[in-house]
C-alpha cells in the first residue's frame, strides 16, 4: 500500500508542476509551424505536378492511339531524324523513365531483386 501511495504522490506532484498555460502556448506555436510547413508543401511545384497527373479516361484512348500511330509513321518515314536535340533528349528521358518503372514493377511482382524464388524438388 505504501508503494502505491508513494507512486500516487509522485504522480500528483508531477501534475502540480505542469504549467498548462505555457503548454497551451507551446502547442499553439507547434500547430502554427506545422500549418505553415503544410501550406508551403502544398504550394510546391512537385505537388502541383502531382495534381496534373491523373488517371486517363476512356475518352483519352483514341488520342493515345493516334499519337502512337504518328510515332510509328515518323519512324517509317525517318522524320524522327529531323527532330531537334531537345525533343530527342526529352523523348529519351521519358522512355527511360517508363522502362525503369517497368523494372520496378517487375521487382515488386517477383518480391525479389534478382530472379524468381524457385523451390528445389
PDB file of N, CA and C in Angstrom:
ATOM      1  N   UNK A   1       0.840  -1.193   0.000  1.00  0.00           N
ATOM      2  CA  UNK A   1       0.000   0.000   0.000  1.00  0.00           C
ATOM      3  C   UNK A   1       0.876   1.243   0.000  1.00  0.00           C
ATOM      4  N   UNK A   2       1.957   1.208   0.768  1.00  0.00           N
ATOM      5  CA  UNK A   2       2.844   2.359   0.823  1.00  0.00           C
ATOM      6  C   UNK A   2       3.465   2.646  -0.541  1.00  0.00           C
ATOM      7  N   UNK A   3       3.808   1.586  -1.284  1.00  0.00           N
ATOM      8  CA  UNK A   3       4.398   1.778  -2.606  1.00  0.00           C
ATOM      9  C   UNK A   3       3.388   2.442  -3.533  1.00  0.00           C
ATOM     10  N   UNK A   4       2.143   2.010  -3.461  1.00  0.00           N
ATOM     11  CA  UNK A   4       1.106   2.622  -4.305  1.00  0.00           C
ATOM     12  C   UNK A   4       0.874   4.067  -3.903  1.00  0.00           C
ATOM     13  N   UNK A   5       0.880   4.325  -2.615  1.00  0.00           N
ATOM     14  CA  UNK A   5       0.657   5.683  -2.130  1.00  0.00           C
ATOM     15  C   UNK A   5       1.813   6.586  -2.558  1.00  0.00           C
ATOM     16  N   UNK A   6       3.041   6.061  -2.473  1.00  0.00           N
ATOM     17  CA  UNK A   6       4.206   6.836  -2.907  1.00  0.00           C
ATOM     18  C   UNK A   6       4.138   7.148  -4.389  1.00  0.00           C
ATOM     19  N   UNK A   7       3.718   6.165  -5.166  1.00  0.00           N
ATOM     20  CA  UNK A   7       3.576   6.370  -6.608  1.00  0.00           C
ATOM     21  C   UNK A   7       2.530   7.436  -6.883  1.00  0.00           C
ATOM     22  N   UNK A   8       1.411   7.384  -6.160  1.00  0.00           N
ATOM     23  CA  UNK A   8       0.346   8.354  -6.353  1.00  0.00           C
ATOM     24  C   UNK A   8       0.823   9.757  -5.992  1.00  0.00           C
ATOM     25  N   UNK A   9       1.577   9.881  -4.902  1.00  0.00           N
ATOM     26  CA  UNK A   9       2.098  11.193  -4.503  1.00  0.00           C
ATOM     27  C   UNK A   9       3.046  11.737  -5.574  1.00  0.00           C
ATOM     28  N   UNK A  10       3.899  10.906  -6.129  1.00  0.00           N
ATOM     29  CA  UNK A  10       4.825  11.339  -7.169  1.00  0.00           C
ATOM     30  C   UNK A  10       4.046  11.793  -8.391  1.00  0.00           C
ATOM     31  N   UNK A  11       3.050  11.036  -8.751  1.00  0.00           N
ATOM     32  CA  UNK A  11       2.220  11.372  -9.902  1.00  0.00           C
ATOM     33  C   UNK A  11       1.504  12.700  -9.680  1.00  0.00           C
ATOM     34  N   UNK A  12       0.957  12.887  -8.498  1.00  0.00           N
ATOM     35  CA  UNK A  12       0.249  14.116  -8.155  1.00  0.00           C
ATOM     36  C   UNK A  12       1.227  15.287  -8.155  1.00  0.00           C
ATOM     37  N   UNK A  13       2.403  15.091  -7.626  1.00  0.00           N
ATOM     38  CA  UNK A  13       3.420  16.138  -7.590  1.00  0.00           C
ATOM     39  C   UNK A  13       3.819  16.537  -9.012  1.00  0.00           C
ATOM     40  N   UNK A  14       3.914  15.560  -9.906  1.00  0.00           N
ATOM     41  CA  UNK A  14       4.262  15.825 -11.297  1.00  0.00           C
ATOM     42  C   UNK A  14       3.229  16.736 -11.946  1.00  0.00           C
ATOM     43  N   UNK A  15       1.958  16.440 -11.737  1.00  0.00           N
ATOM     44  CA  UNK A  15       0.910  17.245 -12.357  1.00  0.00           C
ATOM     45  C   UNK A  15       0.809  18.637 -11.755  1.00  0.00           C
ATOM     46  N   UNK A  16       1.199  18.807 -10.501  1.00  0.00           N
ATOM     47  CA  UNK A  16       1.193  20.135  -9.901  1.00  0.00           C
ATOM     48  C   UNK A  16       2.250  21.024 -10.548  1.00  0.00           C
ATOM     49  N   UNK A  17       3.336  20.423 -11.042  1.00  0.00           N
ATOM     50  CA  UNK A  17       4.423  21.202 -11.630  1.00  0.00           C
ATOM     51  C   UNK A  17       4.156  21.595 -13.073  1.00  0.00           C
ATOM     52  N   UNK A  18       3.158  21.011 -13.717  1.00  0.00           N
ATOM     53  CA  UNK A  18       2.868  21.315 -15.117  1.00  0.00           C
ATOM     54  C   UNK A  18       2.181  22.672 -15.220  1.00  0.00           C
ATOM     55  N   UNK A  19       2.694  23.515 -16.084  1.00  0.00           N
ATOM     56  CA  UNK A  19       2.121  24.831 -16.326  1.00  0.00           C
ATOM     57  C   UNK A  19       1.252  24.714 -17.583  1.00  0.00           C
ATOM     58  N   UNK A  20      -0.053  24.617 -17.407  1.00  0.00           N
ATOM     59  CA  UNK A  20      -0.952  24.381 -18.538  1.00  0.00           C
ATOM     60  C   UNK A  20      -0.978  25.550 -19.516  1.00  0.00           C
ATOM     61  N   UNK A  21      -0.857  26.763 -19.040  1.00  0.00           N
ATOM     62  CA  UNK A  21      -0.885  27.911 -19.955  1.00  0.00           C
ATOM     63  C   UNK A  21       0.362  27.921 -20.838  1.00  0.00           C
ATOM     64  N   UNK A  22       1.503  27.578 -20.264  1.00  0.00           N
ATOM     65  CA  UNK A  22       2.724  27.515 -21.066  1.00  0.00           C
ATOM     66  C   UNK A  22       2.637  26.378 -22.080  1.00  0.00           C
ATOM     67  N   UNK A  23       2.045  25.246 -21.658  1.00  0.00           N
ATOM     68  CA  UNK A  23       1.891  24.117 -22.565  1.00  0.00           C
ATOM     69  C   UNK A  23       0.956  24.488 -23.719  1.00  0.00           C
ATOM     70  N   UNK A  24      -0.104  25.211 -23.432  1.00  0.00           N
ATOM     71  CA  UNK A  24      -1.038  25.628 -24.479  1.00  0.00           C
ATOM     72  C   UNK A  24      -0.349  26.578 -25.452  1.00  0.00           C
ATOM     73  N   UNK A  25       0.488  27.476 -24.947  1.00  0.00           N
ATOM     74  CA  UNK A  25       1.210  28.403 -25.823  1.00  0.00           C
ATOM     75  C   UNK A  25       2.189  27.649 -26.724  1.00  0.00           C
ATOM     76  N   UNK A  26       2.869  26.654 -26.175  1.00  0.00           N
ATOM     77  CA  UNK A  26       3.786  25.852 -26.975  1.00  0.00           C
ATOM     78  C   UNK A  26       3.042  25.066 -28.049  1.00  0.00           C
ATOM     79  N   UNK A  27       1.904  24.499 -27.687  1.00  0.00           N
ATOM     80  CA  UNK A  27       1.104  23.756 -28.666  1.00  0.00           C
ATOM     81  C   UNK A  27       0.632  24.672 -29.783  1.00  0.00           C
ATOM     82  N   UNK A  28       0.261  25.913 -29.436  1.00  0.00           N
ATOM     83  CA  UNK A  28      -0.176  26.877 -30.443  1.00  0.00           C
ATOM     84  C   UNK A  28       0.971  27.176 -31.409  1.00  0.00           C
ATOM     85  N   UNK A  29       2.183  27.326 -30.877  1.00  0.00           N
ATOM     86  CA  UNK A  29       3.348  27.568 -31.730  1.00  0.00           C
ATOM     87  C   UNK A  29       3.636  26.378 -32.630  1.00  0.00           C
ATOM     88  N   UNK A  30       3.553  25.187 -32.066  1.00  0.00           N
ATOM     89  CA  UNK A  30       3.821  23.984 -32.852  1.00  0.00           C
ATOM     90  C   UNK A  30       2.799  23.831 -33.963  1.00  0.00           C
ATOM     91  N   UNK A  31       1.535  24.058 -33.655  1.00  0.00           N
ATOM     92  CA  UNK A  31       0.481  23.953 -34.674  1.00  0.00           C
ATOM     93  C   UNK A  31       0.711  24.992 -35.770  1.00  0.00           C
ATOM     94  N   UNK A  32       1.134  26.189 -35.395  1.00  0.00           N
ATOM     95  CA  UNK A  32       1.416  27.224 -36.393  1.00  0.00           C
ATOM     96  C   UNK A  32       2.549  26.839 -37.324  1.00  0.00           C
ATOM     97  N   UNK A  33       3.609  26.262 -36.769  1.00  0.00           N
ATOM     98  CA  UNK A  33       4.743  25.832 -37.583  1.00  0.00           C
ATOM     99  C   UNK A  33       4.328  24.706 -38.524  1.00  0.00           C
ATOM    100  N   UNK A  34       3.597  23.732 -38.005  1.00  0.00           N
ATOM    101  CA  UNK A  34       3.143  22.608 -38.839  1.00  0.00           C
ATOM    102  C   UNK A  34       2.221  23.110 -39.941  1.00  0.00           C
ATOM    103  N   UNK A  35       1.328  24.012 -39.609  1.00  0.00           N
ATOM    104  CA  UNK A  35       0.410  24.555 -40.607  1.00  0.00           C
ATOM    105  C   UNK A  35       1.184  25.299 -41.683  1.00  0.00           C
ATOM    106  N   UNK A  36       2.165  26.105 -41.290  1.00  0.00           N
ATOM    107  CA  UNK A  36       2.975  26.827 -42.270  1.00  0.00           C
ATOM    108  C   UNK A  36       3.749  25.885 -43.173  1.00  0.00           C
ATOM    109  N   UNK A  37       4.275  24.810 -42.602  1.00  0.00           N
ATOM    110  CA  UNK A  37       5.019  23.832 -43.385  1.00  0.00           C
ATOM    111  C   UNK A  37       4.104  23.131 -44.374  1.00  0.00           C
ATOM    112  N   UNK A  38       2.906  22.770 -43.934  1.00  0.00           N
ATOM    113  CA  UNK A  38       1.965  22.095 -44.833  1.00  0.00           C
ATOM    114  C   UNK A  38       1.534  23.004 -45.971  1.00  0.00           C
ATOM    115  N   UNK A  39       1.279  24.264 -45.673  1.00  0.00           N
ATOM    116  CA  UNK A  39       0.870  25.201 -46.726  1.00  0.00           C
ATOM    117  C   UNK A  39       1.988  25.353 -47.740  1.00  0.00           C
ATOM    118  N   UNK A  40       3.232  25.451 -47.260  1.00  0.00           N
ATOM    119  CA  UNK A  40       4.369  25.566 -48.172  1.00  0.00           C
ATOM    120  C   UNK A  40       4.509  24.309 -49.021  1.00  0.00           C
ATOM    121  N   UNK A  41       4.340  23.149 -48.404  1.00  0.00           N
ATOM    122  CA  UNK A  41       4.454  21.896 -49.145  1.00  0.00           C
ATOM    123  C   UNK A  41       3.351  21.759 -50.183  1.00  0.00           C
ATOM    124  N   UNK A  42       2.159  22.212 -49.853  1.00  0.00           N
ATOM    125  CA  UNK A  42       1.048  22.090 -50.795  1.00  0.00           C
ATOM    126  C   UNK A  42       1.181  23.050 -51.969  1.00  0.00           C
ATOM    127  N   UNK A  43       2.006  24.076 -51.816  1.00  0.00           N
ATOM    128  CA  UNK A  43       2.220  25.027 -52.910  1.00  0.00           C
ATOM    129  C   UNK A  43       3.459  24.704 -53.724  1.00  0.00           C
ATOM    130  N   UNK A  44       4.176  23.633 -53.389  1.00  0.00           N
ATOM    131  CA  UNK A  44       5.429  23.314 -54.060  1.00  0.00           C
ATOM    132  C   UNK A  44       5.158  22.841 -55.490  1.00  0.00           C
ATOM    133  N   UNK A  45       6.148  23.007 -56.381  1.00  0.00           N
ATOM    134  CA  UNK A  45       5.983  22.556 -57.769  1.00  0.00           C
ATOM    135  C   UNK A  45       5.725  21.062 -57.883  1.00  0.00           C
ATOM    136  N   UNK A  46       6.312  20.273 -56.985  1.00  0.00           N
ATOM    137  CA  UNK A  46       6.096  18.831 -57.035  1.00  0.00           C
ATOM    138  C   UNK A  46       4.630  18.493 -56.800  1.00  0.00           C
ATOM    139  N   UNK A  47       4.033  19.151 -55.821  1.00  0.00           N
ATOM    140  CA  UNK A  47       2.624  18.905 -55.532  1.00  0.00           C
ATOM    141  C   UNK A  47       1.752  19.343 -56.699  1.00  0.00           C
ATOM    142  N   UNK A  48       2.101  20.470 -57.301  1.00  0.00           N
ATOM    143  CA  UNK A  48       1.329  20.935 -58.451  1.00  0.00           C
ATOM    144  C   UNK A  48       1.449  19.946 -59.610  1.00  0.00           C
ATOM    145  N   UNK A  49       2.646  19.371 -59.791  1.00  0.00           N
ATOM    146  CA  UNK A  49       2.831  18.388 -60.862  1.00  0.00           C
ATOM    147  C   UNK A  49       2.032  17.121 -60.574  1.00  0.00           C
ATOM    148  N   UNK A  50       1.976  16.707 -59.301  1.00  0.00           N
ATOM    149  CA  UNK A  50       1.213  15.515 -58.958  1.00  0.00           C
ATOM    150  C   UNK A  50      -0.279  15.725 -59.179  1.00  0.00           C
ATOM    151  N   UNK A  51      -0.754  16.953 -58.972  1.00  0.00           N
ATOM    152  CA  UNK A  51      -2.164  17.235 -59.235  1.00  0.00           C
ATOM    153  C   UNK A  51      -2.466  17.120 -60.725  1.00  0.00           C
ATOM    154  N   UNK A  52      -1.467  17.423 -61.566  1.00  0.00           N
ATOM    155  CA  UNK A  52      -1.676  17.356 -63.007  1.00  0.00           C
ATOM    156  C   UNK A  52      -1.696  15.910 -63.503  1.00  0.00           C
ATOM    157  N   UNK A  53      -1.048  14.997 -62.761  1.00  0.00           N
ATOM    158  CA  UNK A  53      -1.027  13.596 -63.145  1.00  0.00           C
ATOM    159  C   UNK A  53      -2.342  12.946 -62.734  1.00  0.00           C
ATOM    160  N   UNK A  54      -3.131  12.577 -63.711  1.00  0.00           N
ATOM    161  CA  UNK A  54      -4.424  11.968 -63.426  1.00  0.00           C
ATOM    162  C   UNK A  54      -4.535  10.643 -64.181  1.00  0.00           C
ATOM    163  N   UNK A  55      -5.437   9.821 -63.751  1.00  0.00           N
ATOM    164  CA  UNK A  55      -5.692   8.545 -64.418  1.00  0.00           C
ATOM    165  C   UNK A  55      -6.369   8.846 -65.752  1.00  0.00           C
ATOM    166  N   UNK A  56      -5.896   8.250 -66.847  1.00  0.00           N
ATOM    167  CA  UNK A  56      -6.514   8.511 -68.148  1.00  0.00           C
ATOM    168  C   UNK A  56      -7.957   8.012 -68.195  1.00  0.00           C
ATOM    169  N   UNK A  57      -8.768   8.763 -68.891  1.00  0.00           N
ATOM    170  CA  UNK A  57     -10.170   8.383 -69.075  1.00  0.00           C
ATOM    171  C   UNK A  57     -10.321   7.619 -70.389  1.00  0.00           C
ATOM    172  N   UNK A  58     -11.446   6.986 -70.575  1.00  0.00           N
ATOM    173  CA  UNK A  58     -11.687   6.255 -71.823  1.00  0.00           C
ATOM    174  C   UNK A  58     -11.702   7.191 -73.022  1.00  0.00           C
ATOM    175  N   UNK A  59     -12.078   8.443 -72.809  1.00  0.00           N
ATOM    176  CA  UNK A  59     -12.104   9.400 -73.914  1.00  0.00           C
ATOM    177  C   UNK A  59     -10.689   9.771 -74.371  1.00  0.00           C
ATOM    178  N   UNK A  60      -9.659   9.451 -73.565  1.00  0.00           N
ATOM    179  CA  UNK A  60      -8.275   9.749 -73.939  1.00  0.00           C
ATOM    180  C   UNK A  60      -7.656   8.655 -74.810  1.00  0.00           C
ATOM    181  N   UNK A  61      -8.285   7.497 -74.889  1.00  0.00           N
ATOM    182  CA  UNK A  61      -7.723   6.361 -75.618  1.00  0.00           C
ATOM    183  C   UNK A  61      -7.555   6.649 -77.112  1.00  0.00           C
ATOM    184  N   UNK A  62      -8.547   7.225 -77.813  1.00  0.00           N
ATOM    185  CA  UNK A  62      -8.337   7.478 -79.244  1.00  0.00           C
ATOM    186  C   UNK A  62      -7.164   8.420 -79.523  1.00  0.00           C
ATOM    187  N   UNK A  63      -6.986   9.450 -78.707  1.00  0.00           N
ATOM    188  CA  UNK A  63      -5.858  10.354 -78.938  1.00  0.00           C
ATOM    189  C   UNK A  63      -4.533   9.662 -78.656  1.00  0.00           C
ATOM    190  N   UNK A  64      -4.500   8.745 -77.688  1.00  0.00           N
ATOM    191  CA  UNK A  64      -3.275   7.991 -77.406  1.00  0.00           C
ATOM    192  C   UNK A  64      -2.941   7.067 -78.571  1.00  0.00           C
ATOM    193  N   UNK A  65      -3.953   6.430 -79.137  1.00  0.00           N
ATOM    194  CA  UNK A  65      -3.730   5.546 -80.288  1.00  0.00           C
ATOM    195  C   UNK A  65      -3.235   6.357 -81.483  1.00  0.00           C
ATOM    196  N   UNK A  66      -3.810   7.527 -81.692  1.00  0.00           N
ATOM    197  CA  UNK A  66      -3.373   8.391 -82.787  1.00  0.00           C
ATOM    198  C   UNK A  66      -1.929   8.842 -82.583  1.00  0.00           C
ATOM    199  N   UNK A  67      -1.562   9.117 -81.354  1.00  0.00           N
ATOM    200  CA  UNK A  67      -0.191   9.531 -81.047  1.00  0.00           C
ATOM    201  C   UNK A  67       0.798   8.392 -81.321  1.00  0.00           C
ATOM    202  N   UNK A  68       0.431   7.176 -80.966  1.00  0.00           N
ATOM    203  CA  UNK A  68       1.295   6.021 -81.226  1.00  0.00           C
ATOM    204  C   UNK A  68       1.426   5.790 -82.730  1.00  0.00           C
ATOM    205  N   UNK A  69       0.315   5.905 -83.444  1.00  0.00           N
ATOM    206  CA  UNK A  69       0.352   5.739 -84.902  1.00  0.00           C
ATOM    207  C   UNK A  69       1.242   6.801 -85.544  1.00  0.00           C
ATOM    208  N   UNK A  70       1.178   8.019 -85.026  1.00  0.00           N
ATOM    209  CA  UNK A  70       2.010   9.109 -85.545  1.00  0.00           C
ATOM    210  C   UNK A  70       3.490   8.808 -85.299  1.00  0.00           C
ATOM    211  N   UNK A  71       3.803   8.213 -84.135  1.00  0.00           N
ATOM    212  CA  UNK A  71       5.184   7.840 -83.841  1.00  0.00           C
ATOM    213  C   UNK A  71       5.702   6.769 -84.779  1.00  0.00           C
ATOM    214  N   UNK A  72       4.880   5.748 -85.040  1.00  0.00           N
ATOM    215  CA  UNK A  72       5.281   4.707 -85.985  1.00  0.00           C
ATOM    216  C   UNK A  72       5.473   5.279 -87.387  1.00  0.00           C
ATOM    217  N   UNK A  73       4.601   6.192 -87.784  1.00  0.00           N
ATOM    218  CA  UNK A  73       4.726   6.824 -89.107  1.00  0.00           C
ATOM    219  C   UNK A  73       6.016   7.633 -89.192  1.00  0.00           C
ATOM    220  N   UNK A  74       6.362   8.309 -88.089  1.00  0.00           N
ATOM    221  CA  UNK A  74       7.590   9.094 -88.056  1.00  0.00           C
ATOM    222  C   UNK A  74       8.818   8.196 -88.216  1.00  0.00           C
ATOM    223  N   UNK A  75       8.761   7.005 -87.608  1.00  0.00           N
ATOM    224  CA  UNK A  75       9.874   6.058 -87.753  1.00  0.00           C
ATOM    225  C   UNK A  75       9.930   5.513 -89.175  1.00  0.00           C
ATOM    226  N   UNK A  76       8.770   5.192 -89.743  1.00  0.00           N
ATOM    227  CA  UNK A  76       8.732   4.609 -91.089  1.00  0.00           C
ATOM    228  C   UNK A  76       9.235   5.586 -92.142  1.00  0.00           C
ATOM    229  N   UNK A  77       8.919   6.868 -91.989  1.00  0.00           N
ATOM    230  CA  UNK A  77       9.335   7.878 -92.970  1.00  0.00           C
ATOM    231  C   UNK A  77      10.646   8.559 -92.593  1.00  0.00           C
ATOM    232  N   UNK A  78      11.258   8.158 -91.488  1.00  0.00           N
ATOM    233  CA  UNK A  78      12.514   8.701 -90.981  1.00  0.00           C
ATOM    234  C   UNK A  78      12.441  10.196 -90.678  1.00  0.00           C
ATOM    235  N   UNK A  79      11.243  10.676 -90.335  1.00  0.00           N
ATOM    236  CA  UNK A  79      11.103  12.086 -89.936  1.00  0.00           C
ATOM    237  C   UNK A  79      11.719  12.343 -88.567  1.00  0.00           C
ATOM    238  N   UNK A  80      11.903  11.281 -87.773  1.00  0.00           N
ATOM    239  CA  UNK A  80      12.470  11.472 -86.442  1.00  0.00           C
ATOM    240  C   UNK A  80      13.927  11.969 -86.516  1.00  0.00           C
ATOM    241  N   UNK A  81      14.589  11.799 -87.667  1.00  0.00           N
ATOM    242  CA  UNK A  81      15.961  12.283 -87.808  1.00  0.00           C
ATOM    243  C   UNK A  81      16.035  13.804 -87.843  1.00  0.00           C
ATOM    244  N   UNK A  82      14.914  14.476 -88.152  1.00  0.00           N
ATOM    245  CA  UNK A  82      14.892  15.938 -88.241  1.00  0.00           C
ATOM    246  C   UNK A  82      14.458  16.599 -86.925  1.00  0.00           C
ATOM    247  N   UNK A  83      14.224  15.796 -85.887  1.00  0.00           N
ATOM    248  CA  UNK A  83      13.796  16.374 -84.606  1.00  0.00           C
ATOM    249  C   UNK A  83      14.942  17.149 -83.952  1.00  0.00           C
ATOM    250  N   UNK A  84      14.615  18.227 -83.244  1.00  0.00           N
ATOM    251  CA  UNK A  84      15.672  18.952 -82.512  1.00  0.00           C
ATOM    252  C   UNK A  84      16.231  18.097 -81.372  1.00  0.00           C
ATOM    253  N   UNK A  85      17.447  18.389 -80.967  1.00  0.00           N
ATOM    254  CA  UNK A  85      18.129  17.620 -79.931  1.00  0.00           C
ATOM    255  C   UNK A  85      17.338  17.670 -78.621  1.00  0.00           C
ATOM    256  N   UNK A  86      16.756  18.818 -78.325  1.00  0.00           N
ATOM    257  CA  UNK A  86      15.981  18.969 -77.086  1.00  0.00           C
ATOM    258  C   UNK A  86      14.805  17.986 -77.056  1.00  0.00           C
ATOM    259  N   UNK A  87      14.110  17.856 -78.177  1.00  0.00           N
ATOM    260  CA  UNK A  87      12.969  16.937 -78.261  1.00  0.00           C
ATOM    261  C   UNK A  87      13.435  15.489 -78.152  1.00  0.00           C
ATOM    262  N   UNK A  88      14.548  15.166 -78.788  1.00  0.00           N
ATOM    263  CA  UNK A  88      15.082  13.806 -78.720  1.00  0.00           C
ATOM    264  C   UNK A  88      15.483  13.476 -77.284  1.00  0.00           C
ATOM    265  N   UNK A  89      16.125  14.428 -76.598  1.00  0.00           N
ATOM    266  CA  UNK A  89      16.530  14.201 -75.212  1.00  0.00           C
ATOM    267  C   UNK A  89      15.308  14.007 -74.317  1.00  0.00           C
ATOM    268  N   UNK A  90      14.281  14.827 -74.523  1.00  0.00           N
ATOM    269  CA  UNK A  90      13.059  14.703 -73.723  1.00  0.00           C
ATOM    270  C   UNK A  90      12.407  13.340 -73.952  1.00  0.00           C
ATOM    271  N   UNK A  91      12.345  12.904 -75.215  1.00  0.00           N
ATOM    272  CA  UNK A  91      11.759  11.597 -75.517  1.00  0.00           C
ATOM    273  C   UNK A  91      12.593  10.459 -74.920  1.00  0.00           C
ATOM    274  N   UNK A  92      13.918  10.603 -74.949  1.00  0.00           N
ATOM    275  CA  UNK A  92      14.789   9.563 -74.395  1.00  0.00           C
ATOM    276  C   UNK A  92      14.614   9.458 -72.885  1.00  0.00           C
ATOM    277  N   UNK A  93      14.536  10.588 -72.196  1.00  0.00           N
ATOM    278  CA  UNK A  93      14.359  10.570 -70.747  1.00  0.00           C
ATOM    279  C   UNK A  93      13.003   9.981 -70.382  1.00  0.00           C
ATOM    280  N   UNK A  94      11.975  10.335 -71.124  1.00  0.00           N
ATOM    281  CA  UNK A  94      10.635   9.789 -70.865  1.00  0.00           C
ATOM    282  C   UNK A  94      10.623   8.276 -71.080  1.00  0.00           C
ATOM    283  N   UNK A  95      11.251   7.821 -72.153  1.00  0.00           N
ATOM    284  CA  UNK A  95      11.310   6.378 -72.421  1.00  0.00           C
ATOM    285  C   UNK A  95      12.090   5.654 -71.336  1.00  0.00           C
ATOM    286  N   UNK A  96      13.190   6.243 -70.882  1.00  0.00           N
ATOM    287  CA  UNK A  96      13.976   5.644 -69.810  1.00  0.00           C
ATOM    288  C   UNK A  96      13.168   5.564 -68.519  1.00  0.00           C
ATOM    289  N   UNK A  97      12.384   6.599 -68.241  1.00  0.00           N
ATOM    290  CA  UNK A  97      11.550   6.584 -67.034  1.00  0.00           C
ATOM    291  C   UNK A  97      10.511   5.467 -67.102  1.00  0.00           C
ATOM    292  N   UNK A  98       9.866   5.309 -68.242  1.00  0.00           N
ATOM    293  CA  UNK A  98       8.874   4.242 -68.401  1.00  0.00           C
ATOM    294  C   UNK A  98       9.536   2.875 -68.233  1.00  0.00           C
ATOM    295  N   UNK A  99      10.711   2.705 -68.802  1.00  0.00           N
ATOM    296  CA  UNK A  99      11.436   1.440 -68.687  1.00  0.00           C
ATOM    297  C   UNK A  99      11.814   1.150 -67.233  1.00  0.00           C
ATOM    298  N   UNK A 100      12.287   2.178 -66.526  1.00  0.00           N
ATOM    299  CA  UNK A 100      12.662   1.984 -65.116  1.00  0.00           C
ATOM    300  C   UNK A 100      11.447   1.615 -64.266  1.00  0.00           C
ATOM    301  N   UNK A 101      10.301   2.266 -64.505  1.00  0.00           N
ATOM    302  CA  UNK A 101       9.096   1.917 -63.740  1.00  0.00           C
ATOM    303  C   UNK A 101       8.656   0.487 -64.063  1.00  0.00           C
ATOM    304  N   UNK A 102       8.871   0.050 -65.309  1.00  0.00           N
ATOM    305  CA  UNK A 102       8.570  -1.337 -65.657  1.00  0.00           C
ATOM    306  C   UNK A 102       9.432  -2.285 -64.825  1.00  0.00           C
ATOM    307  N   UNK A 103      10.737  -1.987 -64.726  1.00  0.00           N
ATOM    308  CA  UNK A 103      11.632  -2.834 -63.954  1.00  0.00           C
ATOM    309  C   UNK A 103      11.277  -2.816 -62.471  1.00  0.00           C
ATOM    310  N   UNK A 104      10.899  -1.682 -61.950  1.00  0.00           N
ATOM    311  CA  UNK A 104      10.481  -1.597 -60.545  1.00  0.00           C
ATOM    312  C   UNK A 104       9.243  -2.467 -60.324  1.00  0.00           C
ATOM    313  N   UNK A 105       8.300  -2.427 -61.251  1.00  0.00           N
ATOM    314  CA  UNK A 105       7.114  -3.271 -61.154  1.00  0.00           C
ATOM    315  C   UNK A 105       7.457  -4.751 -61.198  1.00  0.00           C
ATOM    316  N   UNK A 106       8.426  -5.104 -62.029  1.00  0.00           N
ATOM    317  CA  UNK A 106       8.860  -6.494 -62.093  1.00  0.00           C
ATOM    318  C   UNK A 106       9.484  -6.945 -60.776  1.00  0.00           C
ATOM    319  N   UNK A 107      10.307  -6.090 -60.188  1.00  0.00           N
ATOM    320  CA  UNK A 107      10.949  -6.428 -58.913  1.00  0.00           C
ATOM    321  C   UNK A 107       9.895  -6.592 -57.828  1.00  0.00           C
ATOM    322  N   UNK A 108       8.917  -5.695 -57.802  1.00  0.00           N
ATOM    323  CA  UNK A 108       7.846  -5.799 -56.809  1.00  0.00           C
ATOM    324  C   UNK A 108       7.030  -7.069 -57.041  1.00  0.00           C
ATOM    325  N   UNK A 109       6.744  -7.377 -58.285  1.00  0.00           N
ATOM    326  CA  UNK A 109       5.957  -8.570 -58.599  1.00  0.00           C
ATOM    327  C   UNK A 109       6.669  -9.858 -58.243  1.00  0.00           C
ATOM    328  N   UNK A 110       7.987  -9.899 -58.429  1.00  0.00           N
ATOM    329  CA  UNK A 110       8.762 -11.103 -58.091  1.00  0.00           C
ATOM    330  C   UNK A 110       9.017 -11.209 -56.602  1.00  0.00           C
ATOM    331  N   UNK A 111       8.918 -10.074 -55.915  1.00  0.00           N
ATOM    332  CA  UNK A 111       9.272  -9.987 -54.492  1.00  0.00           C
ATOM    333  C   UNK A 111      10.731 -10.370 -54.266  1.00  0.00           C
ATOM    334  N   UNK A 112      11.554 -10.066 -55.258  1.00  0.00           N
ATOM    335  CA  UNK A 112      12.977 -10.362 -55.177  1.00  0.00           C
ATOM    336  C   UNK A 112      13.706  -9.453 -56.157  1.00  0.00           C
ATOM    337  N   UNK A 113      14.898  -9.051 -55.798  1.00  0.00           N
ATOM    338  CA  UNK A 113      15.654  -8.171 -56.680  1.00  0.00           C
ATOM    339  C   UNK A 113      16.191  -8.930 -57.883  1.00  0.00           C
ATOM    340  N   UNK A 114      16.617 -10.172 -57.659  1.00  0.00           N
ATOM    341  CA  UNK A 114      17.228 -10.953 -58.735  1.00  0.00           C
ATOM    342  C   UNK A 114      16.468 -12.261 -58.884  1.00  0.00           C
ATOM    343  N   UNK A 115      15.833 -12.475 -60.017  1.00  0.00           N
ATOM    344  CA  UNK A 115      15.198 -13.741 -60.335  1.00  0.00           C
ATOM    345  C   UNK A 115      14.004 -14.095 -59.472  1.00  0.00           C
ATOM    346  N   UNK A 116      13.379 -15.172 -59.826  1.00  0.00           N
ATOM    347  CA  UNK A 116      12.242 -15.685 -59.080  1.00  0.00           C
ATOM    348  C   UNK A 116      12.730 -16.683 -58.031  1.00  0.00           C
ATOM    349  N   UNK A 117      11.995 -16.800 -56.954  1.00  0.00           N
ATOM    350  CA  UNK A 117      12.322 -17.771 -55.931  1.00  0.00           C
ATOM    351  C   UNK A 117      11.758 -19.118 -56.357  1.00  0.00           C
ATOM    352  N   UNK A 118      12.651 -20.085 -56.580  1.00  0.00           N
ATOM    353  CA  UNK A 118      12.241 -21.417 -57.033  1.00  0.00           C
ATOM    354  C   UNK A 118      12.598 -22.405 -55.935  1.00  0.00           C
ATOM    355  N   UNK A 119      11.634 -23.245 -55.593  1.00  0.00           N
ATOM    356  CA  UNK A 119      11.861 -24.272 -54.573  1.00  0.00           C
ATOM    357  C   UNK A 119      12.489 -25.503 -55.244  1.00  0.00           C
ATOM    358  N   UNK A 120      13.566 -26.005 -54.657  1.00  0.00           N
ATOM    359  CA  UNK A 120      14.165 -27.217 -55.227  1.00  0.00           C
ATOM    360  C   UNK A 120      13.270 -28.429 -54.969  1.00  0.00           C
ATOM    361  N   UNK A 121      13.227 -29.327 -55.923  1.00  0.00           N
ATOM    362  CA  UNK A 121      12.405 -30.547 -55.780  1.00  0.00           C
ATOM    363  C   UNK A 121      13.163 -31.649 -55.139  1.00  0.00           C
TER     364      UNK A 121
END
